[in-house]
PDB file of N, CA and C in Angstrom:
ATOM      1  N   MET A   1       7.220  39.519 -25.478  1.00  0.00           N
ATOM      2  CA  MET A   1       6.486  39.349 -27.113  1.00  0.00           C
ATOM      3  C   MET A   1       6.230  37.987 -27.204  1.00  0.00           C
ATOM      4  N   LYS A   2       6.198  37.287 -26.389  1.00  0.00           N
ATOM      5  CA  LYS A   2       5.547  35.921 -27.124  1.00  0.00           C
ATOM      6  C   LYS A   2       4.367  36.112 -26.674  1.00  0.00           C
ATOM      7  N   GLY A   3       3.507  35.254 -28.010  1.00  0.00           N
ATOM      8  CA  GLY A   3       1.945  35.334 -27.822  1.00  0.00           C
ATOM      9  C   GLY A   3       1.452  36.696 -28.766  1.00  0.00           C
ATOM     10  N   THR A   4       2.906  37.312 -29.338  1.00  0.00           N
ATOM     11  CA  THR A   4       2.669  38.573 -30.102  1.00  0.00           C
ATOM     12  C   THR A   4       1.820  38.272 -31.156  1.00  0.00           C
ATOM     13  N   LYS A   5       0.775  39.269 -31.972  1.00  0.00           N
ATOM     14  CA  LYS A   5       0.396  38.550 -32.916  1.00  0.00           C
ATOM     15  C   LYS A   5       1.305  39.351 -33.868  1.00  0.00           C
ATOM     16  N   PRO A   6       1.246  38.477 -35.123  1.00  0.00           N
ATOM     17  CA  PRO A   6       2.321  38.545 -36.549  1.00  0.00           C
ATOM     18  C   PRO A   6       2.270  40.346 -36.746  1.00  0.00           C
ATOM     19  N   LEU A   7       0.717  40.617 -36.769  1.00  0.00           N
ATOM     20  CA  LEU A   7       0.534  42.045 -37.804  1.00  0.00           C
ATOM     21  C   LEU A   7       0.755  42.956 -36.765  1.00  0.00           C
ATOM     22  N   MET A   8       1.459  42.958 -35.156  1.00  0.00           N
ATOM     23  CA  MET A   8       1.642  43.751 -34.374  1.00  0.00           C
ATOM     24  C   MET A   8       3.380  43.961 -34.696  1.00  0.00           C
ATOM     25  N   ILE A   9       4.108  42.693 -35.053  1.00  0.00           N
ATOM     26  CA  ILE A   9       5.390  42.876 -35.229  1.00  0.00           C
ATOM     27  C   ILE A   9       5.682  44.501 -35.715  1.00  0.00           C
ATOM     28  N   PRO A  10       5.025  45.111 -36.966  1.00  0.00           N
ATOM     29  CA  PRO A  10       5.872  45.792 -37.589  1.00  0.00           C
ATOM     30  C   PRO A  10       5.557  47.246 -36.469  1.00  0.00           C
ATOM     31  N   GLU A  11       4.553  47.554 -35.912  1.00  0.00           N
ATOM     32  CA  GLU A  11       4.492  48.642 -34.937  1.00  0.00           C
ATOM     33  C   GLU A  11       5.478  48.242 -33.821  1.00  0.00           C
ATOM     34  N   ILE A  12       5.621  47.103 -33.432  1.00  0.00           N
ATOM     35  CA  ILE A  12       6.305  47.264 -33.076  1.00  0.00           C
ATOM     36  C   ILE A  12       7.979  47.668 -33.120  1.00  0.00           C
ATOM     37  N   LEU A  13       8.628  46.853 -34.114  1.00  0.00           N
ATOM     38  CA  LEU A  13       9.591  47.692 -34.727  1.00  0.00           C
ATOM     39  C   LEU A  13       9.851  49.135 -34.519  1.00  0.00           C
ATOM     40  N   GLU A  14       8.650  49.578 -35.402  1.00  0.00           N
ATOM     41  CA  GLU A  14       8.374  51.154 -35.489  1.00  0.00           C
ATOM     42  C   GLU A  14       8.453  51.483 -34.691  1.00  0.00           C
ATOM     43  N   GLU A  15       7.857  51.413 -33.339  1.00  0.00           N
ATOM     44  CA  GLU A  15       8.211  52.090 -32.148  1.00  0.00           C
ATOM     45  C   GLU A  15       9.530  51.639 -31.305  1.00  0.00           C
ATOM     46  N   ILE A  16      10.394  50.849 -31.836  1.00  0.00           N
ATOM     47  CA  ILE A  16      11.722  50.754 -31.305  1.00  0.00           C
ATOM     48  C   ILE A  16      12.204  51.942 -32.350  1.00  0.00           C
ATOM     49  N   ALA A  17      12.021  52.161 -33.019  1.00  0.00           N
ATOM     50  CA  ALA A  17      12.774  52.969 -34.372  1.00  0.00           C
ATOM     51  C   ALA A  17      12.938  54.137 -33.768  1.00  0.00           C
ATOM     52  N   ASP A  18      11.816  54.609 -33.317  1.00  0.00           N
ATOM     53  CA  ASP A  18      11.255  55.891 -32.847  1.00  0.00           C
ATOM     54  C   ASP A  18      12.307  55.962 -31.750  1.00  0.00           C
ATOM     55  N   HIS A  19      12.778  55.175 -30.858  1.00  0.00           N
ATOM     56  CA  HIS A  19      13.268  55.458 -29.653  1.00  0.00           C
ATOM     57  C   HIS A  19      14.824  55.394 -29.923  1.00  0.00           C
ATOM     58  N   VAL A  20      15.156  54.941 -30.747  1.00  0.00           N
ATOM     59  CA  VAL A  20      16.927  54.636 -31.114  1.00  0.00           C
ATOM     60  C   VAL A  20      17.170  55.872 -31.836  1.00  0.00           C
ATOM     61  N   LEU A  21      16.205  56.512 -32.710  1.00  0.00           N
ATOM     62  CA  LEU A  21      16.237  58.029 -33.533  1.00  0.00           C
ATOM     63  C   LEU A  21      16.522  58.844 -32.422  1.00  0.00           C
ATOM     64  N   THR A  22      16.235  58.657 -31.302  1.00  0.00           N
ATOM     65  CA  THR A  22      16.187  60.147 -30.086  1.00  0.00           C
ATOM     66  C   THR A  22      17.707  60.153 -29.692  1.00  0.00           C
ATOM     67  N   LEU A  23      18.174  58.884 -29.767  1.00  0.00           N
ATOM     68  CA  LEU A  23      19.625  59.094 -29.521  1.00  0.00           C
ATOM     69  C   LEU A  23      20.723  60.106 -29.856  1.00  0.00           C
ATOM     70  N   ASP A  24      21.268  60.516 -29.177  1.00  0.00           N
ATOM     71  CA  ASP A  24      22.455  61.703 -29.887  1.00  0.00           C
ATOM     72  C   ASP A  24      23.687  60.724 -30.208  1.00  0.00           C
ATOM     73  N   ASP A  25      24.727  61.692 -30.807  1.00  0.00           N
ATOM     74  CA  ASP A  25      25.314  60.683 -31.404  1.00  0.00           C
ATOM     75  C   ASP A  25      26.585  60.295 -30.221  1.00  0.00           C
ATOM     76  N   SER A  26      26.825  61.003 -28.985  1.00  0.00           N
ATOM     77  CA  SER A  26      27.519  60.165 -28.012  1.00  0.00           C
ATOM     78  C   SER A  26      26.779  59.287 -27.273  1.00  0.00           C
ATOM     79  N   ASP A  27      25.390  59.096 -27.527  1.00  0.00           N
ATOM     80  CA  ASP A  27      24.793  57.974 -26.617  1.00  0.00           C
ATOM     81  C   ASP A  27      24.819  56.773 -27.343  1.00  0.00           C
ATOM     82  N   LEU A  28      24.842  56.872 -28.856  1.00  0.00           N
ATOM     83  CA  LEU A  28      24.892  56.272 -30.033  1.00  0.00           C
ATOM     84  C   LEU A  28      26.555  55.786 -29.858  1.00  0.00           C
ATOM     85  N   ALA A  29      27.242  56.265 -29.946  1.00  0.00           N
ATOM     86  CA  ALA A  29      28.727  55.493 -29.902  1.00  0.00           C
ATOM     87  C   ALA A  29      28.890  54.693 -28.802  1.00  0.00           C
ATOM     88  N   ALA A  30      28.594  54.855 -27.908  1.00  0.00           N
ATOM     89  CA  ALA A  30      28.401  54.550 -26.558  1.00  0.00           C
ATOM     90  C   ALA A  30      27.781  53.253 -26.138  1.00  0.00           C
ATOM     91  N   LEU A  31      26.900  52.998 -26.759  1.00  0.00           N
ATOM     92  CA  LEU A  31      25.823  51.651 -26.906  1.00  0.00           C
ATOM     93  C   LEU A  31      26.035  50.968 -27.834  1.00  0.00           C
ATOM     94  N   LEU A  32      26.859  51.417 -29.432  1.00  0.00           N
ATOM     95  CA  LEU A  32      27.611  50.656 -30.368  1.00  0.00           C
ATOM     96  C   LEU A  32      28.540  50.130 -29.989  1.00  0.00           C
ATOM     97  N   ASP A  33      29.614  50.608 -28.818  1.00  0.00           N
ATOM     98  CA  ASP A  33      31.074  50.248 -28.214  1.00  0.00           C
ATOM     99  C   ASP A  33      30.463  49.107 -27.228  1.00  0.00           C
ATOM    100  N   TYR A  34      29.157  49.209 -26.559  1.00  0.00           N
ATOM    101  CA  TYR A  34      29.237  48.469 -25.656  1.00  0.00           C
ATOM    102  C   TYR A  34      28.454  46.982 -26.311  1.00  0.00           C
ATOM    103  N   TYR A  35      27.565  46.808 -27.147  1.00  0.00           N
ATOM    104  CA  TYR A  35      27.267  45.958 -27.738  1.00  0.00           C
ATOM    105  C   TYR A  35      28.241  45.146 -28.872  1.00  0.00           C
ATOM    106  N   LYS A  36      29.162  46.216 -29.101  1.00  0.00           N
ATOM    107  CA  LYS A  36      30.391  45.059 -29.789  1.00  0.00           C
ATOM    108  C   LYS A  36      31.096  44.622 -28.843  1.00  0.00           C
ATOM    109  N   LYS A  37      30.975  45.090 -28.018  1.00  0.00           N
ATOM    110  CA  LYS A  37      32.239  44.165 -27.115  1.00  0.00           C
ATOM    111  C   LYS A  37      31.326  43.058 -26.379  1.00  0.00           C
ATOM    112  N   ARG A  38      29.799  43.027 -26.188  1.00  0.00           N
ATOM    113  CA  ARG A  38      29.182  41.799 -26.269  1.00  0.00           C
ATOM    114  C   ARG A  38      29.148  40.830 -27.342  1.00  0.00           C
ATOM    115  N   MET A  39      29.163  41.488 -27.757  1.00  0.00           N
ATOM    116  CA  MET A  39      29.415  40.598 -29.580  1.00  0.00           C
ATOM    117  C   MET A  39      30.024  39.812 -29.866  1.00  0.00           C
ATOM    118  N   ALA A  40      31.421  40.361 -29.104  1.00  0.00           N
ATOM    119  CA  ALA A  40      33.242  40.215 -29.661  1.00  0.00           C
ATOM    120  C   ALA A  40      32.926  38.417 -28.502  1.00  0.00           C
ATOM    121  N   GLN A  41      32.104  38.213 -27.650  1.00  0.00           N
ATOM    122  CA  GLN A  41      32.442  36.947 -26.813  1.00  0.00           C
ATOM    123  C   GLN A  41      32.144  36.126 -27.734  1.00  0.00           C
ATOM    124  N   GLY A  42      31.138  36.115 -28.449  1.00  0.00           N
ATOM    125  CA  GLY A  42      31.095  35.243 -28.961  1.00  0.00           C
ATOM    126  C   GLY A  42      30.138  34.272 -28.774  1.00  0.00           C
ATOM    127  N   GLU A  43      29.899  34.108 -27.914  1.00  0.00           N
ATOM    128  CA  GLU A  43      29.423  32.633 -27.092  1.00  0.00           C
ATOM    129  C   GLU A  43      27.453  33.031 -27.756  1.00  0.00           C
ATOM    130  N   PRO A  44      27.046  31.503 -28.510  1.00  0.00           N
ATOM    131  CA  PRO A  44      26.346  31.338 -28.666  1.00  0.00           C
ATOM    132  C   PRO A  44      24.800  31.437 -28.094  1.00  0.00           C
ATOM    133  N   THR A  45      24.445  32.476 -27.142  1.00  0.00           N
ATOM    134  CA  THR A  45      23.394  32.643 -26.218  1.00  0.00           C
ATOM    135  C   THR A  45      22.230  33.353 -26.853  1.00  0.00           C
ATOM    136  N   ARG A  46      21.120  32.941 -25.728  1.00  0.00           N
ATOM    137  CA  ARG A  46      20.291  34.474 -26.074  1.00  0.00           C
ATOM    138  C   ARG A  46      20.617  36.041 -26.206  1.00  0.00           C
ATOM    139  N   SER A  47      21.254  35.844 -25.245  1.00  0.00           N
ATOM    140  CA  SER A  47      21.967  37.009 -24.646  1.00  0.00           C
ATOM    141  C   SER A  47      22.632  37.902 -25.840  1.00  0.00           C
ATOM    142  N   TRP A  48      23.881  36.832 -26.130  1.00  0.00           N
ATOM    143  CA  TRP A  48      24.379  37.086 -27.125  1.00  0.00           C
ATOM    144  C   TRP A  48      23.809  37.470 -28.715  1.00  0.00           C
ATOM    145  N   GLU A  49      22.762  36.890 -29.112  1.00  0.00           N
ATOM    146  CA  GLU A  49      21.952  37.209 -30.181  1.00  0.00           C
ATOM    147  C   GLU A  49      21.506  38.471 -29.713  1.00  0.00           C
ATOM    148  N   ARG A  50      20.971  38.877 -29.200  1.00  0.00           N
ATOM    149  CA  ARG A  50      19.899  39.842 -28.463  1.00  0.00           C
ATOM    150  C   ARG A  50      21.221  41.375 -28.856  1.00  0.00           C
ATOM    151  N   ALA A  51      22.446  40.866 -28.036  1.00  0.00           N
ATOM    152  CA  ALA A  51      23.572  42.320 -28.547  1.00  0.00           C
ATOM    153  C   ALA A  51      23.649  41.840 -29.839  1.00  0.00           C
ATOM    154  N   VAL A  52      23.665  40.847 -30.664  1.00  0.00           N
ATOM    155  CA  VAL A  52      23.966  41.054 -32.171  1.00  0.00           C
ATOM    156  C   VAL A  52      22.916  42.259 -33.014  1.00  0.00           C
ATOM    157  N   ILE A  53      21.823  41.827 -32.182  1.00  0.00           N
ATOM    158  CA  ILE A  53      20.133  42.618 -33.158  1.00  0.00           C
ATOM    159  C   ILE A  53      20.764  43.969 -32.594  1.00  0.00           C
ATOM    160  N   ALA A  54      20.861  43.997 -31.347  1.00  0.00           N
ATOM    161  CA  ALA A  54      20.663  45.596 -30.962  1.00  0.00           C
ATOM    162  C   ALA A  54      21.908  46.453 -31.446  1.00  0.00           C
ATOM    163  N   TYR A  55      23.012  45.957 -31.633  1.00  0.00           N
ATOM    164  CA  TYR A  55      24.413  46.394 -32.619  1.00  0.00           C
ATOM    165  C   TYR A  55      23.778  46.539 -33.882  1.00  0.00           C
ATOM    166  N   PHE A  56      23.178  45.548 -34.407  1.00  0.00           N
ATOM    167  CA  PHE A  56      22.686  46.079 -35.745  1.00  0.00           C
ATOM    168  C   PHE A  56      21.760  46.947 -36.620  1.00  0.00           C
ATOM    169  N   LEU A  57      20.579  47.306 -35.369  1.00  0.00           N
ATOM    170  CA  LEU A  57      20.274  48.084 -35.258  1.00  0.00           C
ATOM    171  C   LEU A  57      20.406  49.647 -34.782  1.00  0.00           C
ATOM    172  N   LEU A  58      21.433  49.911 -33.550  1.00  0.00           N
ATOM    173  CA  LEU A  58      22.161  50.629 -33.888  1.00  0.00           C
ATOM    174  C   LEU A  58      23.107  51.123 -35.125  1.00  0.00           C
ATOM    175  N   ASN A  59      23.650  50.021 -35.374  1.00  0.00           N
ATOM    176  CA  ASN A  59      24.196  50.542 -36.446  1.00  0.00           C
ATOM    177  C   ASN A  59      23.620  51.059 -37.789  1.00  0.00           C
ATOM    178  N   GLY A  60      22.570  50.729 -37.465  1.00  0.00           N
ATOM    179  CA  GLY A  60      21.155  51.573 -38.728  1.00  0.00           C
ATOM    180  C   GLY A  60      20.929  52.425 -38.820  1.00  0.00           C
ATOM    181  N   ILE A  61      21.393  53.454 -37.874  1.00  0.00           N
ATOM    182  CA  ILE A  61      21.067  54.743 -37.175  1.00  0.00           C
ATOM    183  C   ILE A  61      22.537  55.339 -37.844  1.00  0.00           C
ATOM    184  N   ARG A  62      23.540  54.845 -37.941  1.00  0.00           N
ATOM    185  CA  ARG A  62      24.507  55.455 -38.830  1.00  0.00           C
ATOM    186  C   ARG A  62      24.583  55.592 -40.173  1.00  0.00           C
ATOM    187  N   ILE A  63      23.809  54.070 -40.591  1.00  0.00           N
ATOM    188  CA  ILE A  63      24.260  54.059 -42.001  1.00  0.00           C
ATOM    189  C   ILE A  63      23.076  55.158 -42.810  1.00  0.00           C
ATOM    190  N   LYS A  64      21.939  55.333 -41.834  1.00  0.00           N
ATOM    191  CA  LYS A  64      20.756  56.196 -42.502  1.00  0.00           C
ATOM    192  C   LYS A  64      21.460  57.675 -42.517  1.00  0.00           C
ATOM    193  N   ASN A  65      22.178  57.811 -41.240  1.00  0.00           N
ATOM    194  CA  ASN A  65      22.745  59.393 -41.009  1.00  0.00           C
ATOM    195  C   ASN A  65      23.951  59.589 -42.133  1.00  0.00           C
ATOM    196  N   THR A  66      24.517  58.523 -42.525  1.00  0.00           N
ATOM    197  CA  THR A  66      25.314  58.983 -43.675  1.00  0.00           C
ATOM    198  C   THR A  66      24.557  59.397 -45.072  1.00  0.00           C
ATOM    199  N   LEU A  67      23.684  58.191 -45.741  1.00  0.00           N
ATOM    200  CA  LEU A  67      22.444  58.523 -46.548  1.00  0.00           C
ATOM    201  C   LEU A  67      22.228  59.782 -46.572  1.00  0.00           C
ATOM    202  N   LYS A  68      21.604  60.255 -45.512  1.00  0.00           N
ATOM    203  CA  LYS A  68      20.800  61.559 -45.169  1.00  0.00           C
ATOM    204  C   LYS A  68      21.799  62.546 -45.352  1.00  0.00           C
ATOM    205  N   GLN A  69      22.893  62.405 -44.630  1.00  0.00           N
ATOM    206  CA  GLN A  69      23.953  63.583 -45.477  1.00  0.00           C
ATOM    207  C   GLN A  69      24.265  63.434 -47.197  1.00  0.00           C
ATOM    208  N   GLY A  70      24.563  62.493 -47.131  1.00  0.00           N
ATOM    209  CA  GLY A  70      24.839  62.091 -49.075  1.00  0.00           C
ATOM    210  C   GLY A  70      23.966  62.692 -49.628  1.00  0.00           C
ATOM    211  N   ARG A  71      22.544  62.585 -49.352  1.00  0.00           N
ATOM    212  CA  ARG A  71      21.271  63.117 -50.100  1.00  0.00           C
ATOM    213  C   ARG A  71      21.540  64.802 -50.027  1.00  0.00           C
ATOM    214  N   LEU A  72      21.816  65.270 -48.952  1.00  0.00           N
ATOM    215  CA  LEU A  72      21.781  66.481 -48.452  1.00  0.00           C
ATOM    216  C   LEU A  72      22.591  67.561 -49.086  1.00  0.00           C
ATOM    217  N   GLN A  73      24.036  66.688 -49.325  1.00  0.00           N
ATOM    218  CA  GLN A  73      24.903  67.559 -49.658  1.00  0.00           C
ATOM    219  C   GLN A  73      24.541  67.317 -51.733  1.00  0.00           C
ATOM    220  N   HIS A  74      24.179  66.451 -51.702  1.00  0.00           N
ATOM    221  CA  HIS A  74      23.965  66.444 -53.468  1.00  0.00           C
ATOM    222  C   HIS A  74      22.946  67.373 -53.644  1.00  0.00           C
ATOM    223  N   GLN A  75      21.659  67.592 -52.638  1.00  0.00           N
ATOM    224  CA  GLN A  75      20.358  68.629 -53.146  1.00  0.00           C
ATOM    225  C   GLN A  75      21.782  69.770 -52.877  1.00  0.00           C
ATOM    226  N   LYS A  76      22.258  70.146 -51.650  1.00  0.00           N
ATOM    227  CA  LYS A  76      22.671  71.470 -52.333  1.00  0.00           C
ATOM    228  C   LYS A  76      23.882  71.720 -53.659  1.00  0.00           C
ATOM    229  N   LEU A  77      24.340  70.701 -53.563  1.00  0.00           N
ATOM    230  CA  LEU A  77      25.307  70.994 -54.966  1.00  0.00           C
ATOM    231  C   LEU A  77      24.130  70.763 -56.442  1.00  0.00           C
ATOM    232  N   THR A  78      23.004  70.253 -56.334  1.00  0.00           N
ATOM    233  CA  THR A  78      22.268  70.308 -57.616  1.00  0.00           C
ATOM    234  C   THR A  78      21.562  71.827 -57.441  1.00  0.00           C
ATOM    235  N   GLU A  79      21.207  72.273 -56.297  1.00  0.00           N
ATOM    236  CA  GLU A  79      20.717  73.389 -56.317  1.00  0.00           C
ATOM    237  C   GLU A  79      21.247  74.575 -56.669  1.00  0.00           C
ATOM    238  N   SER A  80      22.762  74.379 -55.713  1.00  0.00           N
ATOM    239  CA  SER A  80      24.024  75.754 -56.455  1.00  0.00           C
ATOM    240  C   SER A  80      24.244  75.702 -57.768  1.00  0.00           C
ATOM    241  N   ARG A  81      24.425  74.799 -58.391  1.00  0.00           N
ATOM    242  CA  ARG A  81      24.866  75.011 -59.831  1.00  0.00           C
ATOM    243  C   ARG A  81      23.736  75.504 -60.472  1.00  0.00           C
ATOM    244  N   THR A  82      24.328  76.248 -61.764  1.00  0.00           N
ATOM    245  CA  THR A  82      23.154  76.897 -62.450  1.00  0.00           C
ATOM    246  C   THR A  82      22.825  75.861 -63.677  1.00  0.00           C
ATOM    247  N   PRO A  83      21.897  76.174 -64.556  1.00  0.00           N
ATOM    248  CA  PRO A  83      21.777  75.042 -65.281  1.00  0.00           C
ATOM    249  C   PRO A  83      22.429  75.193 -66.421  1.00  0.00           C
ATOM    250  N   CYS A  84      22.741  73.679 -66.741  1.00  0.00           N
ATOM    251  CA  CYS A  84      23.424  73.606 -67.701  1.00  0.00           C
ATOM    252  C   CYS A  84      22.417  73.677 -69.545  1.00  0.00           C
ATOM    253  N   LEU A  85      22.814  75.108 -70.072  1.00  0.00           N
ATOM    254  CA  LEU A  85      21.883  75.243 -71.369  1.00  0.00           C
ATOM    255  C   LEU A  85      22.866  75.497 -72.376  1.00  0.00           C
ATOM    256  N   ARG A  86      21.837  74.920 -73.271  1.00  0.00           N
ATOM    257  CA  ARG A  86      23.003  74.968 -74.629  1.00  0.00           C
ATOM    258  C   ARG A  86      22.054  75.413 -75.700  1.00  0.00           C
ATOM    259  N   LEU A  87      22.533  75.956 -77.005  1.00  0.00           N
ATOM    260  CA  LEU A  87      21.433  76.231 -77.669  1.00  0.00           C
ATOM    261  C   LEU A  87      21.175  75.236 -78.847  1.00  0.00           C
ATOM    262  N   VAL A  88      19.947  75.191 -78.621  1.00  0.00           N
ATOM    263  CA  VAL A  88      19.327  73.702 -79.303  1.00  0.00           C
ATOM    264  C   VAL A  88      18.983  74.256 -81.249  1.00  0.00           C
ATOM    265  N   LYS A  89      18.936  75.520 -81.701  1.00  0.00           N
ATOM    266  CA  LYS A  89      18.679  75.882 -82.754  1.00  0.00           C
ATOM    267  C   LYS A  89      18.963  77.441 -82.897  1.00  0.00           C
ATOM    268  N   ALA A  90      19.514  77.783 -83.967  1.00  0.00           N
ATOM    269  CA  ALA A  90      20.012  79.432 -84.100  1.00  0.00           C
ATOM    270  C   ALA A  90      19.720  79.822 -85.211  1.00  0.00           C
TER     271      ALA A  90
END
């Protein structure tokens, strides 16, 4: 990626996100464990830096899934409730 024009970076990041979004839960869990172990080594090398970034990219998917589930549950609760009506003027 050296020599990559700054304007291309958003497209590259979105392409990476598209690939990561295709992972199923078991793949995601295995990769998170793998990168967590690499991060635990704690040696400030280029390989360690890449492991940290990969871990947090993958962890972002877990956060996204949690937020999505929360929104879906909130929508279901909101849609299933009967509207709260009150008499304004008798």
